[in-house]
Amino acid sequence: MIWLVGIGGSIGAVVRYLFGQWMTNRFSNKLTFPFNTWIINLSGSLLLGLLANMYVEKEINDWIWYFFGIGFCGAYTTFSTFGMEVITLLQAKNLRLAVSYIVTSIILGLLFAAGGYFLF
């Protein structure tokens, strides 16, 4: 199973990087809010909630959970980048934006995960 986690994680990391680069190229000069990580983390929370429900309800096999839930979603979402972006906002003395980023990331992340778990 460890290989499934590793391969899924490798793919999740690459998808996160490519999606983040695409967003940066498209929107970087227009935004101060770290939307790249925000959108990636919210979409990953939604997907993980959906997969978790399917796994608990025995609708997906263990290998799918290990590959997508643990591996892909684990690497696709990123708490470390979120933390560094908060520090960067605080260093730029942009307290309001840092607090809004923290609060919306946590609250919406939980809501998206719950949405994925309970609505699908």
PDB file of N, CA and C in Angstrom:
ATOM      1  N   MET A   1       0.812  -1.206   0.000  1.00  0.00           N
ATOM      2  CA  MET A   1       0.000   0.000   0.000  1.00  0.00           C
ATOM      3  C   MET A   1       0.854   1.269   0.000  1.00  0.00           C
ATOM      4  N   ILE A   2       2.060   1.166   0.564  1.00  0.00           N
ATOM      5  CA  ILE A   2       2.921   2.344   0.625  1.00  0.00           C
ATOM      6  C   ILE A   2       3.248   2.871  -0.764  1.00  0.00           C
ATOM      7  N   TRP A   3       3.352   1.975  -1.735  1.00  0.00           N
ATOM      8  CA  TRP A   3       3.630   2.399  -3.109  1.00  0.00           C
ATOM      9  C   TRP A   3       2.470   3.195  -3.681  1.00  0.00           C
ATOM     10  N   LEU A   4       1.267   2.812  -3.339  1.00  0.00           N
ATOM     11  CA  LEU A   4       0.096   3.558  -3.807  1.00  0.00           C
ATOM     12  C   LEU A   4       0.081   4.969  -3.231  1.00  0.00           C
ATOM     13  N   VAL A   5       0.412   5.092  -1.962  1.00  0.00           N
ATOM     14  CA  VAL A   5       0.483   6.415  -1.332  1.00  0.00           C
ATOM     15  C   VAL A   5       1.562   7.252  -2.013  1.00  0.00           C
ATOM     16  N   GLY A   6       2.724   6.658  -2.254  1.00  0.00           N
ATOM     17  CA  GLY A   6       3.830   7.387  -2.884  1.00  0.00           C
ATOM     18  C   GLY A   6       3.525   7.821  -4.299  1.00  0.00           C
ATOM     19  N   ILE A   7       2.953   6.935  -5.087  1.00  0.00           N
ATOM     20  CA  ILE A   7       2.624   7.285  -6.479  1.00  0.00           C
ATOM     21  C   ILE A   7       1.511   8.325  -6.510  1.00  0.00           C
ATOM     22  N   GLY A   8       0.479   8.122  -5.693  1.00  0.00           N
ATOM     23  CA  GLY A   8      -0.605   9.113  -5.613  1.00  0.00           C
ATOM     24  C   GLY A   8      -0.091  10.464  -5.146  1.00  0.00           C
ATOM     25  N   GLY A   9       0.816  10.438  -4.156  1.00  0.00           N
ATOM     26  CA  GLY A   9       1.404  11.679  -3.659  1.00  0.00           C
ATOM     27  C   GLY A   9       2.234  12.381  -4.720  1.00  0.00           C
ATOM     28  N   SER A  10       2.973  11.619  -5.491  1.00  0.00           N
ATOM     29  CA  SER A  10       3.776  12.209  -6.573  1.00  0.00           C
ATOM     30  C   SER A  10       2.887  12.896  -7.591  1.00  0.00           C
ATOM     31  N   ILE A  11       1.810  12.238  -7.958  1.00  0.00           N
ATOM     32  CA  ILE A  11       0.884  12.830  -8.927  1.00  0.00           C
ATOM     33  C   ILE A  11       0.193  14.052  -8.327  1.00  0.00           C
ATOM     34  N   GLY A  12      -0.229  13.953  -7.071  1.00  0.00           N
ATOM     35  CA  GLY A  12      -0.877  15.091  -6.404  1.00  0.00           C
ATOM     36  C   GLY A  12       0.036  16.305  -6.331  1.00  0.00           C
ATOM     37  N   ALA A  13       1.313  16.077  -6.048  1.00  0.00           N
ATOM     38  CA  ALA A  13       2.280  17.182  -5.966  1.00  0.00           C
ATOM     39  C   ALA A  13       2.464  17.841  -7.325  1.00  0.00           C
ATOM     40  N   VAL A  14       2.534  17.039  -8.371  1.00  0.00           N
ATOM     41  CA  VAL A  14       2.702  17.590  -9.723  1.00  0.00           C
ATOM     42  C   VAL A  14       1.451  18.365 -10.151  1.00  0.00           C
ATOM     43  N   VAL A  15       0.277  17.798  -9.885  1.00  0.00           N
ATOM     44  CA  VAL A  15      -0.967  18.491 -10.232  1.00  0.00           C
ATOM     45  C   VAL A  15      -1.070  19.807  -9.475  1.00  0.00           C
ATOM     46  N   ARG A  16      -0.712  19.795  -8.194  1.00  0.00           N
ATOM     47  CA  ARG A  16      -0.740  21.023  -7.405  1.00  0.00           C
ATOM     48  C   ARG A  16       0.197  22.067  -7.989  1.00  0.00           C
ATOM     49  N   TYR A  17       1.404  21.662  -8.341  1.00  0.00           N
ATOM     50  CA  TYR A  17       2.386  22.582  -8.912  1.00  0.00           C
ATOM     51  C   TYR A  17       1.880  23.155 -10.237  1.00  0.00           C
ATOM     52  N   LEU A  18       1.422  22.296 -11.133  1.00  0.00           N
ATOM     53  CA  LEU A  18       0.972  22.763 -12.449  1.00  0.00           C
ATOM     54  C   LEU A  18      -0.250  23.669 -12.338  1.00  0.00           C
ATOM     55  N   PHE A  19      -1.207  23.300 -11.485  1.00  0.00           N
ATOM     56  CA  PHE A  19      -2.393  24.130 -11.293  1.00  0.00           C
ATOM     57  C   PHE A  19      -2.012  25.468 -10.663  1.00  0.00           C
ATOM     58  N   GLY A  20      -1.114  25.437  -9.687  1.00  0.00           N
ATOM     59  CA  GLY A  20      -0.644  26.674  -9.066  1.00  0.00           C
ATOM     60  C   GLY A  20       0.087  27.571 -10.060  1.00  0.00           C
ATOM     61  N   GLN A  21       0.917  26.978 -10.910  1.00  0.00           N
ATOM     62  CA  GLN A  21       1.625  27.752 -11.936  1.00  0.00           C
ATOM     63  C   GLN A  21       0.651  28.356 -12.930  1.00  0.00           C
ATOM     64  N   TRP A  22      -0.334  27.580 -13.343  1.00  0.00           N
ATOM     65  CA  TRP A  22      -1.332  28.085 -14.276  1.00  0.00           C
ATOM     66  C   TRP A  22      -2.068  29.283 -13.678  1.00  0.00           C
ATOM     67  N   MET A  23      -2.452  29.163 -12.410  1.00  0.00           N
ATOM     68  CA  MET A  23      -3.153  30.275 -11.754  1.00  0.00           C
ATOM     69  C   MET A  23      -2.234  31.483 -11.604  1.00  0.00           C
ATOM     70  N   THR A  24      -0.982  31.245 -11.256  1.00  0.00           N
ATOM     71  CA  THR A  24      -0.030  32.347 -11.112  1.00  0.00           C
ATOM     72  C   THR A  24       0.143  33.082 -12.434  1.00  0.00           C
ATOM     73  N   ASN A  25       0.307  32.335 -13.511  1.00  0.00           N
ATOM     74  CA  ASN A  25       0.478  32.954 -14.833  1.00  0.00           C
ATOM     75  C   ASN A  25      -0.763  33.725 -15.256  1.00  0.00           C
ATOM     76  N   ARG A  26      -1.897  33.251 -14.860  1.00  0.00           N
ATOM     77  CA  ARG A  26      -3.153  33.868 -15.276  1.00  0.00           C
ATOM     78  C   ARG A  26      -3.548  35.063 -14.413  1.00  0.00           C
ATOM     79  N   PHE A  27      -3.277  35.000 -13.102  1.00  0.00           N
ATOM     80  CA  PHE A  27      -3.811  35.997 -12.188  1.00  0.00           C
ATOM     81  C   PHE A  27      -2.783  36.719 -11.320  1.00  0.00           C
ATOM     82  N   SER A  28      -1.515  36.403 -11.405  1.00  0.00           N
ATOM     83  CA  SER A  28      -0.536  36.862 -10.421  1.00  0.00           C
ATOM     84  C   SER A  28      -0.453  38.373 -10.269  1.00  0.00           C
ATOM     85  N   ASN A  29      -0.586  39.124 -11.317  1.00  0.00           N
ATOM     86  CA  ASN A  29      -0.441  40.579 -11.224  1.00  0.00           C
ATOM     87  C   ASN A  29      -1.696  41.256 -10.708  1.00  0.00           C
ATOM     88  N   LYS A  30      -2.772  40.518 -10.564  1.00  0.00           N
ATOM     89  CA  LYS A  30      -4.051  41.115 -10.211  1.00  0.00           C
ATOM     90  C   LYS A  30      -4.455  40.892  -8.762  1.00  0.00           C
ATOM     91  N   LEU A  31      -3.777  39.978  -8.052  1.00  0.00           N
ATOM     92  CA  LEU A  31      -4.256  39.566  -6.742  1.00  0.00           C
ATOM     93  C   LEU A  31      -3.191  39.713  -5.664  1.00  0.00           C
ATOM     94  N   THR A  32      -3.634  40.082  -4.462  1.00  0.00           N
ATOM     95  CA  THR A  32      -2.738  40.055  -3.308  1.00  0.00           C
ATOM     96  C   THR A  32      -3.109  38.904  -2.372  1.00  0.00           C
ATOM     97  N   PHE A  33      -4.360  38.466  -2.423  1.00  0.00           N
ATOM     98  CA  PHE A  33      -4.812  37.319  -1.637  1.00  0.00           C
ATOM     99  C   PHE A  33      -4.232  36.058  -2.260  1.00  0.00           C
ATOM    100  N   PRO A  34      -3.723  35.129  -1.459  1.00  0.00           N
ATOM    101  CA  PRO A  34      -3.108  33.904  -2.005  1.00  0.00           C
ATOM    102  C   PRO A  34      -4.152  32.892  -2.501  1.00  0.00           C
ATOM    103  N   PHE A  35      -4.818  33.244  -3.584  1.00  0.00           N
ATOM    104  CA  PHE A  35      -5.887  32.401  -4.116  1.00  0.00           C
ATOM    105  C   PHE A  35      -5.399  31.034  -4.581  1.00  0.00           C
ATOM    106  N   ASN A  36      -4.181  30.940  -5.082  1.00  0.00           N
ATOM    107  CA  ASN A  36      -3.688  29.653  -5.579  1.00  0.00           C
ATOM    108  C   ASN A  36      -3.812  28.574  -4.516  1.00  0.00           C
ATOM    109  N   THR A  37      -3.175  28.778  -3.384  1.00  0.00           N
ATOM    110  CA  THR A  37      -3.193  27.789  -2.306  1.00  0.00           C
ATOM    111  C   THR A  37      -4.593  27.650  -1.736  1.00  0.00           C
ATOM    112  N   TRP A  38      -5.306  28.747  -1.643  1.00  0.00           N
ATOM    113  CA  TRP A  38      -6.658  28.752  -1.097  1.00  0.00           C
ATOM    114  C   TRP A  38      -7.569  27.840  -1.912  1.00  0.00           C
ATOM    115  N   ILE A  39      -7.563  28.013  -3.229  1.00  0.00           N
ATOM    116  CA  ILE A  39      -8.417  27.207  -4.104  1.00  0.00           C
ATOM    117  C   ILE A  39      -7.958  25.748  -4.114  1.00  0.00           C
ATOM    118  N   ILE A  40      -6.655  25.529  -4.165  1.00  0.00           N
ATOM    119  CA  ILE A  40      -6.131  24.166  -4.144  1.00  0.00           C
ATOM    120  C   ILE A  40      -6.537  23.464  -2.849  1.00  0.00           C
ATOM    121  N   ASN A  41      -6.374  24.115  -1.718  1.00  0.00           N
ATOM    122  CA  ASN A  41      -6.717  23.490  -0.437  1.00  0.00           C
ATOM    123  C   ASN A  41      -8.218  23.242  -0.299  1.00  0.00           C
ATOM    124  N   LEU A  42      -9.037  24.165  -0.786  1.00  0.00           N
ATOM    125  CA  LEU A  42     -10.483  23.966  -0.701  1.00  0.00           C
ATOM    126  C   LEU A  42     -10.941  22.835  -1.619  1.00  0.00           C
ATOM    127  N   SER A  43     -10.426  22.800  -2.833  1.00  0.00           N
ATOM    128  CA  SER A  43     -10.821  21.719  -3.742  1.00  0.00           C
ATOM    129  C   SER A  43     -10.318  20.369  -3.224  1.00  0.00           C
ATOM    130  N   GLY A  44      -9.122  20.348  -2.640  1.00  0.00           N
ATOM    131  CA  GLY A  44      -8.606  19.116  -2.054  1.00  0.00           C
ATOM    132  C   GLY A  44      -9.425  18.664  -0.860  1.00  0.00           C
ATOM    133  N   SER A  45      -9.907  19.616  -0.057  1.00  0.00           N
ATOM    134  CA  SER A  45     -10.766  19.285   1.090  1.00  0.00           C
ATOM    135  C   SER A  45     -12.075  18.670   0.617  1.00  0.00           C
ATOM    136  N   LEU A  46     -12.650  19.233  -0.433  1.00  0.00           N
ATOM    137  CA  LEU A  46     -13.893  18.697  -0.993  1.00  0.00           C
ATOM    138  C   LEU A  46     -13.674  17.269  -1.494  1.00  0.00           C
ATOM    139  N   LEU A  47     -12.604  17.065  -2.267  1.00  0.00           N
ATOM    140  CA  LEU A  47     -12.312  15.739  -2.799  1.00  0.00           C
ATOM    141  C   LEU A  47     -12.039  14.742  -1.675  1.00  0.00           C
ATOM    142  N   LEU A  48     -11.277  15.156  -0.676  1.00  0.00           N
ATOM    143  CA  LEU A  48     -10.969  14.247   0.429  1.00  0.00           C
ATOM    144  C   LEU A  48     -12.227  13.890   1.222  1.00  0.00           C
ATOM    145  N   GLY A  49     -13.116  14.854   1.422  1.00  0.00           N
ATOM    146  CA  GLY A  49     -14.381  14.559   2.101  1.00  0.00           C
ATOM    147  C   GLY A  49     -15.198  13.538   1.321  1.00  0.00           C
ATOM    148  N   LEU A  50     -15.265  13.707   0.023  1.00  0.00           N
ATOM    149  CA  LEU A  50     -15.994  12.768  -0.833  1.00  0.00           C
ATOM    150  C   LEU A  50     -15.377  11.372  -0.748  1.00  0.00           C
ATOM    151  N   LEU A  51     -14.058  11.302  -0.890  1.00  0.00           N
ATOM    152  CA  LEU A  51     -13.371  10.013  -0.834  1.00  0.00           C
ATOM    153  C   LEU A  51     -13.502   9.354   0.537  1.00  0.00           C
ATOM    154  N   ALA A  52     -13.424  10.159   1.598  1.00  0.00           N
ATOM    155  CA  ALA A  52     -13.543   9.611   2.954  1.00  0.00           C
ATOM    156  C   ALA A  52     -14.904   8.967   3.156  1.00  0.00           C
ATOM    157  N   ASN A  53     -15.951   9.617   2.696  1.00  0.00           N
ATOM    158  CA  ASN A  53     -17.287   9.048   2.818  1.00  0.00           C
ATOM    159  C   ASN A  53     -17.394   7.755   2.029  1.00  0.00           C
ATOM    160  N   MET A  54     -16.875   7.764   0.821  1.00  0.00           N
ATOM    161  CA  MET A  54     -16.934   6.570  -0.018  1.00  0.00           C
ATOM    162  C   MET A  54     -16.139   5.422   0.611  1.00  0.00           C
ATOM    163  N   TYR A  55     -15.034   5.746   1.258  1.00  0.00           N
ATOM    164  CA  TYR A  55     -14.216   4.727   1.906  1.00  0.00           C
ATOM    165  C   TYR A  55     -14.927   4.162   3.140  1.00  0.00           C
ATOM    166  N   VAL A  56     -15.470   5.030   3.960  1.00  0.00           N
ATOM    167  CA  VAL A  56     -16.184   4.596   5.164  1.00  0.00           C
ATOM    168  C   VAL A  56     -17.401   3.750   4.793  1.00  0.00           C
ATOM    169  N   GLU A  57     -18.077   4.129   3.730  1.00  0.00           N
ATOM    170  CA  GLU A  57     -19.273   3.400   3.295  1.00  0.00           C
ATOM    171  C   GLU A  57     -18.944   2.177   2.441  1.00  0.00           C
ATOM    172  N   LYS A  58     -17.653   1.884   2.304  1.00  0.00           N
ATOM    173  CA  LYS A  58     -17.185   0.712   1.544  1.00  0.00           C
ATOM    174  C   LYS A  58     -17.566   0.781   0.063  1.00  0.00           C
ATOM    175  N   GLU A  59     -17.628   2.004  -0.489  1.00  0.00           N
ATOM    176  CA  GLU A  59     -17.948   2.176  -1.905  1.00  0.00           C
ATOM    177  C   GLU A  59     -16.696   2.189  -2.776  1.00  0.00           C
ATOM    178  N   ILE A  60     -15.533   2.332  -2.149  1.00  0.00           N
ATOM    179  CA  ILE A  60     -14.282   2.267  -2.890  1.00  0.00           C
ATOM    180  C   ILE A  60     -13.354   1.280  -2.191  1.00  0.00           C
ATOM    181  N   ASN A  61     -12.480   0.699  -2.955  1.00  0.00           N
ATOM    182  CA  ASN A  61     -11.500  -0.251  -2.416  1.00  0.00           C
ATOM    183  C   ASN A  61     -10.399   0.478  -1.659  1.00  0.00           C
ATOM    184  N   ASP A  62      -9.690  -0.293  -0.834  1.00  0.00           N
ATOM    185  CA  ASP A  62      -8.577   0.270  -0.066  1.00  0.00           C
ATOM    186  C   ASP A  62      -7.555   0.951  -0.967  1.00  0.00           C
ATOM    187  N   TRP A  63      -7.231   0.341  -2.109  1.00  0.00           N
ATOM    188  CA  TRP A  63      -6.188   0.915  -2.964  1.00  0.00           C
ATOM    189  C   TRP A  63      -6.584   2.295  -3.480  1.00  0.00           C
ATOM    190  N   ILE A  64      -7.863   2.511  -3.735  1.00  0.00           N
ATOM    191  CA  ILE A  64      -8.317   3.828  -4.193  1.00  0.00           C
ATOM    192  C   ILE A  64      -8.147   4.841  -3.067  1.00  0.00           C
ATOM    193  N   TRP A  65      -8.486   4.472  -1.854  1.00  0.00           N
ATOM    194  CA  TRP A  65      -8.320   5.365  -0.702  1.00  0.00           C
ATOM    195  C   TRP A  65      -6.853   5.715  -0.492  1.00  0.00           C
ATOM    196  N   TYR A  66      -5.984   4.699  -0.525  1.00  0.00           N
ATOM    197  CA  TYR A  66      -4.558   4.948  -0.322  1.00  0.00           C
ATOM    198  C   TYR A  66      -3.984   5.821  -1.436  1.00  0.00           C
ATOM    199  N   PHE A  67      -4.347   5.533  -2.666  1.00  0.00           N
ATOM    200  CA  PHE A  67      -3.809   6.279  -3.808  1.00  0.00           C
ATOM    201  C   PHE A  67      -4.334   7.716  -3.844  1.00  0.00           C
ATOM    202  N   PHE A  68      -5.656   7.870  -3.835  1.00  0.00           N
ATOM    203  CA  PHE A  68      -6.257   9.198  -3.990  1.00  0.00           C
ATOM    204  C   PHE A  68      -6.425   9.940  -2.671  1.00  0.00           C
ATOM    205  N   GLY A  69      -6.988   9.284  -1.668  1.00  0.00           N
ATOM    206  CA  GLY A  69      -7.275   9.967  -0.411  1.00  0.00           C
ATOM    207  C   GLY A  69      -6.017  10.351   0.345  1.00  0.00           C
ATOM    208  N   ILE A  70      -5.180   9.353   0.610  1.00  0.00           N
ATOM    209  CA  ILE A  70      -3.971   9.611   1.395  1.00  0.00           C
ATOM    210  C   ILE A  70      -2.869  10.211   0.529  1.00  0.00           C
ATOM    211  N   GLY A  71      -2.581   9.581  -0.625  1.00  0.00           N
ATOM    212  CA  GLY A  71      -1.477  10.027  -1.467  1.00  0.00           C
ATOM    213  C   GLY A  71      -1.765  11.316  -2.212  1.00  0.00           C
ATOM    214  N   PHE A  72      -2.719  11.259  -3.146  1.00  0.00           N
ATOM    215  CA  PHE A  72      -2.998  12.416  -4.001  1.00  0.00           C
ATOM    216  C   PHE A  72      -3.427  13.635  -3.187  1.00  0.00           C
ATOM    217  N   CYS A  73      -4.472  13.485  -2.380  1.00  0.00           N
ATOM    218  CA  CYS A  73      -4.979  14.642  -1.616  1.00  0.00           C
ATOM    219  C   CYS A  73      -3.957  15.140  -0.603  1.00  0.00           C
ATOM    220  N   GLY A  74      -3.194  14.214  -0.024  1.00  0.00           N
ATOM    221  CA  GLY A  74      -2.177  14.608   0.942  1.00  0.00           C
ATOM    222  C   GLY A  74      -1.110  15.506   0.335  1.00  0.00           C
ATOM    223  N   ALA A  75      -0.738  15.230  -0.908  1.00  0.00           N
ATOM    224  CA  ALA A  75       0.288  16.042  -1.569  1.00  0.00           C
ATOM    225  C   ALA A  75      -0.312  17.230  -2.309  1.00  0.00           C
ATOM    226  N   TYR A  76      -1.537  17.083  -2.786  1.00  0.00           N
ATOM    227  CA  TYR A  76      -2.196  18.163  -3.521  1.00  0.00           C
ATOM    228  C   TYR A  76      -2.480  19.355  -2.610  1.00  0.00           C
ATOM    229  N   THR A  77      -2.995  19.077  -1.424  1.00  0.00           N
ATOM    230  CA  THR A  77      -3.233  20.159  -0.468  1.00  0.00           C
ATOM    231  C   THR A  77      -1.933  20.426   0.285  1.00  0.00           C
ATOM    232  N   THR A  78      -1.819  21.634   0.824  1.00  0.00           N
ATOM    233  CA  THR A  78      -0.544  21.952   1.470  1.00  0.00           C
ATOM    234  C   THR A  78      -0.721  22.929   2.618  1.00  0.00           C
ATOM    235  N   PHE A  79      -0.464  22.435   3.804  1.00  0.00           N
ATOM    236  CA  PHE A  79      -0.528  23.287   4.984  1.00  0.00           C
ATOM    237  C   PHE A  79       0.738  24.127   5.120  1.00  0.00           C
ATOM    238  N   SER A  80       1.856  23.599   4.675  1.00  0.00           N
ATOM    239  CA  SER A  80       3.119  24.333   4.804  1.00  0.00           C
ATOM    240  C   SER A  80       3.116  25.602   3.959  1.00  0.00           C
ATOM    241  N   THR A  81       2.608  25.523   2.743  1.00  0.00           N
ATOM    242  CA  THR A  81       2.535  26.720   1.895  1.00  0.00           C
ATOM    243  C   THR A  81       1.567  27.722   2.502  1.00  0.00           C
ATOM    244  N   PHE A  82       0.449  27.238   3.009  1.00  0.00           N
ATOM    245  CA  PHE A  82      -0.510  28.097   3.701  1.00  0.00           C
ATOM    246  C   PHE A  82       0.188  28.851   4.837  1.00  0.00           C
ATOM    247  N   GLY A  83       0.955  28.131   5.648  1.00  0.00           N
ATOM    248  CA  GLY A  83       1.671  28.759   6.761  1.00  0.00           C
ATOM    249  C   GLY A  83       2.655  29.821   6.300  1.00  0.00           C
ATOM    250  N   MET A  84       3.411  29.521   5.258  1.00  0.00           N
ATOM    251  CA  MET A  84       4.388  30.492   4.755  1.00  0.00           C
ATOM    252  C   MET A  84       3.706  31.724   4.167  1.00  0.00           C
ATOM    253  N   GLU A  85       2.571  31.521   3.506  1.00  0.00           N
ATOM    254  CA  GLU A  85       1.850  32.666   2.943  1.00  0.00           C
ATOM    255  C   GLU A  85       1.294  33.556   4.043  1.00  0.00           C
ATOM    256  N   VAL A  86       0.848  32.963   5.140  1.00  0.00           N
ATOM    257  CA  VAL A  86       0.388  33.763   6.279  1.00  0.00           C
ATOM    258  C   VAL A  86       1.552  34.573   6.841  1.00  0.00           C
ATOM    259  N   ILE A  87       2.703  33.951   7.016  1.00  0.00           N
ATOM    260  CA  ILE A  87       3.880  34.660   7.522  1.00  0.00           C
ATOM    261  C   ILE A  87       4.269  35.799   6.584  1.00  0.00           C
ATOM    262  N   THR A  88       4.236  35.550   5.282  1.00  0.00           N
ATOM    263  CA  THR A  88       4.560  36.588   4.295  1.00  0.00           C
ATOM    264  C   THR A  88       3.595  37.765   4.396  1.00  0.00           C
ATOM    265  N   LEU A  89       2.312  37.480   4.554  1.00  0.00           N
ATOM    266  CA  LEU A  89       1.327  38.552   4.701  1.00  0.00           C
ATOM    267  C   LEU A  89       1.564  39.339   5.985  1.00  0.00           C
ATOM    268  N   LEU A  90       1.904  38.636   7.057  1.00  0.00           N
ATOM    269  CA  LEU A  90       2.174  39.325   8.324  1.00  0.00           C
ATOM    270  C   LEU A  90       3.439  40.168   8.237  1.00  0.00           C
ATOM    271  N   GLN A  91       4.467  39.664   7.574  1.00  0.00           N
ATOM    272  CA  GLN A  91       5.701  40.433   7.398  1.00  0.00           C
ATOM    273  C   GLN A  91       5.455  41.690   6.561  1.00  0.00           C
ATOM    274  N   ALA A  92       4.499  41.605   5.631  1.00  0.00           N
ATOM    275  CA  ALA A  92       4.142  42.762   4.808  1.00  0.00           C
ATOM    276  C   ALA A  92       3.179  43.687   5.554  1.00  0.00           C
ATOM    277  N   LYS A  93       2.937  43.374   6.830  1.00  0.00           N
ATOM    278  CA  LYS A  93       2.044  44.158   7.689  1.00  0.00           C
ATOM    279  C   LYS A  93       0.614  44.232   7.126  1.00  0.00           C
ATOM    280  N   ASN A  94       0.216  43.153   6.508  1.00  0.00           N
ATOM    281  CA  ASN A  94      -1.127  43.060   5.961  1.00  0.00           C
ATOM    282  C   ASN A  94      -1.956  42.139   6.854  1.00  0.00           C
ATOM    283  N   LEU A  95      -2.201  42.617   8.072  1.00  0.00           N
ATOM    284  CA  LEU A  95      -2.881  41.837   9.097  1.00  0.00           C
ATOM    285  C   LEU A  95      -4.294  41.448   8.682  1.00  0.00           C
ATOM    286  N   ARG A  96      -5.019  42.373   8.122  1.00  0.00           N
ATOM    287  CA  ARG A  96      -6.406  42.092   7.731  1.00  0.00           C
ATOM    288  C   ARG A  96      -6.468  40.952   6.705  1.00  0.00           C
ATOM    289  N   LEU A  97      -5.594  41.007   5.707  1.00  0.00           N
ATOM    290  CA  LEU A  97      -5.583  39.960   4.690  1.00  0.00           C
ATOM    291  C   LEU A  97      -5.120  38.625   5.278  1.00  0.00           C
ATOM    292  N   ALA A  98      -4.135  38.659   6.166  1.00  0.00           N
ATOM    293  CA  ALA A  98      -3.647  37.432   6.805  1.00  0.00           C
ATOM    294  C   ALA A  98      -4.757  36.786   7.627  1.00  0.00           C
ATOM    295  N   VAL A  99      -5.462  37.577   8.413  1.00  0.00           N
ATOM    296  CA  VAL A  99      -6.545  37.033   9.245  1.00  0.00           C
ATOM    297  C   VAL A  99      -7.666  36.495   8.364  1.00  0.00           C
ATOM    298  N   SER A 100      -8.023  37.217   7.313  1.00  0.00           N
ATOM    299  CA  SER A 100      -9.090  36.725   6.435  1.00  0.00           C
ATOM    300  C   SER A 100      -8.666  35.439   5.734  1.00  0.00           C
ATOM    301  N   TYR A 101      -7.402  35.335   5.378  1.00  0.00           N
ATOM    302  CA  TYR A 101      -6.886  34.115   4.759  1.00  0.00           C
ATOM    303  C   TYR A 101      -6.950  32.941   5.731  1.00  0.00           C
ATOM    304  N   ILE A 102      -6.544  33.166   6.957  1.00  0.00           N
ATOM    305  CA  ILE A 102      -6.582  32.111   7.981  1.00  0.00           C
ATOM    306  C   ILE A 102      -8.024  31.670   8.240  1.00  0.00           C
ATOM    307  N   VAL A 103      -8.883  32.630   8.507  1.00  0.00           N
ATOM    308  CA  VAL A 103     -10.265  32.308   8.887  1.00  0.00           C
ATOM    309  C   VAL A 103     -11.010  31.631   7.736  1.00  0.00           C
ATOM    310  N   THR A 104     -10.907  32.192   6.534  1.00  0.00           N
ATOM    311  CA  THR A 104     -11.639  31.580   5.417  1.00  0.00           C
ATOM    312  C   THR A 104     -11.059  30.223   5.047  1.00  0.00           C
ATOM    313  N   SER A 105      -9.757  30.057   5.147  1.00  0.00           N
ATOM    314  CA  SER A 105      -9.150  28.760   4.825  1.00  0.00           C
ATOM    315  C   SER A 105      -9.637  27.683   5.783  1.00  0.00           C
ATOM    316  N   ILE A 106      -9.659  27.996   7.053  1.00  0.00           N
ATOM    317  CA  ILE A 106     -10.059  26.996   8.047  1.00  0.00           C
ATOM    318  C   ILE A 106     -11.560  26.718   7.975  1.00  0.00           C
ATOM    319  N   ILE A 107     -12.357  27.762   7.994  1.00  0.00           N
ATOM    320  CA  ILE A 107     -13.812  27.567   7.999  1.00  0.00           C
ATOM    321  C   ILE A 107     -14.282  26.935   6.692  1.00  0.00           C
ATOM    322  N   LEU A 108     -13.849  27.501   5.568  1.00  0.00           N
ATOM    323  CA  LEU A 108     -14.289  26.939   4.290  1.00  0.00           C
ATOM    324  C   LEU A 108     -13.687  25.560   4.048  1.00  0.00           C
ATOM    325  N   GLY A 109     -12.455  25.340   4.491  1.00  0.00           N
ATOM    326  CA  GLY A 109     -11.858  24.016   4.356  1.00  0.00           C
ATOM    327  C   GLY A 109     -12.685  22.962   5.075  1.00  0.00           C
ATOM    328  N   LEU A 110     -13.120  23.273   6.289  1.00  0.00           N
ATOM    329  CA  LEU A 110     -13.976  22.348   7.035  1.00  0.00           C
ATOM    330  C   LEU A 110     -15.332  22.165   6.352  1.00  0.00           C
ATOM    331  N   LEU A 111     -15.904  23.261   5.874  1.00  0.00           N
ATOM    332  CA  LEU A 111     -17.194  23.172   5.191  1.00  0.00           C
ATOM    333  C   LEU A 111     -17.096  22.383   3.890  1.00  0.00           C
ATOM    334  N   PHE A 112     -16.010  22.583   3.135  1.00  0.00           N
ATOM    335  CA  PHE A 112     -15.835  21.846   1.891  1.00  0.00           C
ATOM    336  C   PHE A 112     -15.629  20.362   2.170  1.00  0.00           C
ATOM    337  N   ALA A 113     -14.834  20.039   3.191  1.00  0.00           N
ATOM    338  CA  ALA A 113     -14.624  18.636   3.548  1.00  0.00           C
ATOM    339  C   ALA A 113     -15.954  18.001   3.991  1.00  0.00           C
ATOM    340  N   ALA A 114     -16.699  18.729   4.820  1.00  0.00           N
ATOM    341  CA  ALA A 114     -18.002  18.220   5.258  1.00  0.00           C
ATOM    342  C   ALA A 114     -18.965  18.105   4.078  1.00  0.00           C
ATOM    343  N   GLY A 115     -18.919  19.090   3.193  1.00  0.00           N
ATOM    344  CA  GLY A 115     -19.755  19.031   1.997  1.00  0.00           C
ATOM    345  C   GLY A 115     -19.455  17.812   1.159  1.00  0.00           C
ATOM    346  N   GLY A 116     -18.178  17.563   0.951  1.00  0.00           N
ATOM    347  CA  GLY A 116     -17.790  16.372   0.199  1.00  0.00           C
ATOM    348  C   GLY A 116     -18.211  15.098   0.906  1.00  0.00           C
ATOM    349  N   TYR A 117     -18.141  15.092   2.223  1.00  0.00           N
ATOM    350  CA  TYR A 117     -18.473  13.890   2.994  1.00  0.00           C
ATOM    351  C   TYR A 117     -19.979  13.644   3.037  1.00  0.00           C
ATOM    352  N   PHE A 118     -20.750  14.705   3.282  1.00  0.00           N
ATOM    353  CA  PHE A 118     -22.179  14.513   3.540  1.00  0.00           C
ATOM    354  C   PHE A 118     -23.093  14.750   2.338  1.00  0.00           C
ATOM    355  N   LEU A 119     -22.650  15.516   1.364  1.00  0.00           N
ATOM    356  CA  LEU A 119     -23.550  15.862   0.270  1.00  0.00           C
ATOM    357  C   LEU A 119     -23.479  14.917  -0.919  1.00  0.00           C
ATOM    358  N   PHE A 120     -22.400  14.177  -1.036  1.00  0.00           N
ATOM    359  CA  PHE A 120     -22.276  13.320  -2.232  1.00  0.00           C
ATOM    360  C   PHE A 120     -22.602  11.885  -1.924  1.00  0.00           C
TER     361      PHE A 120
END
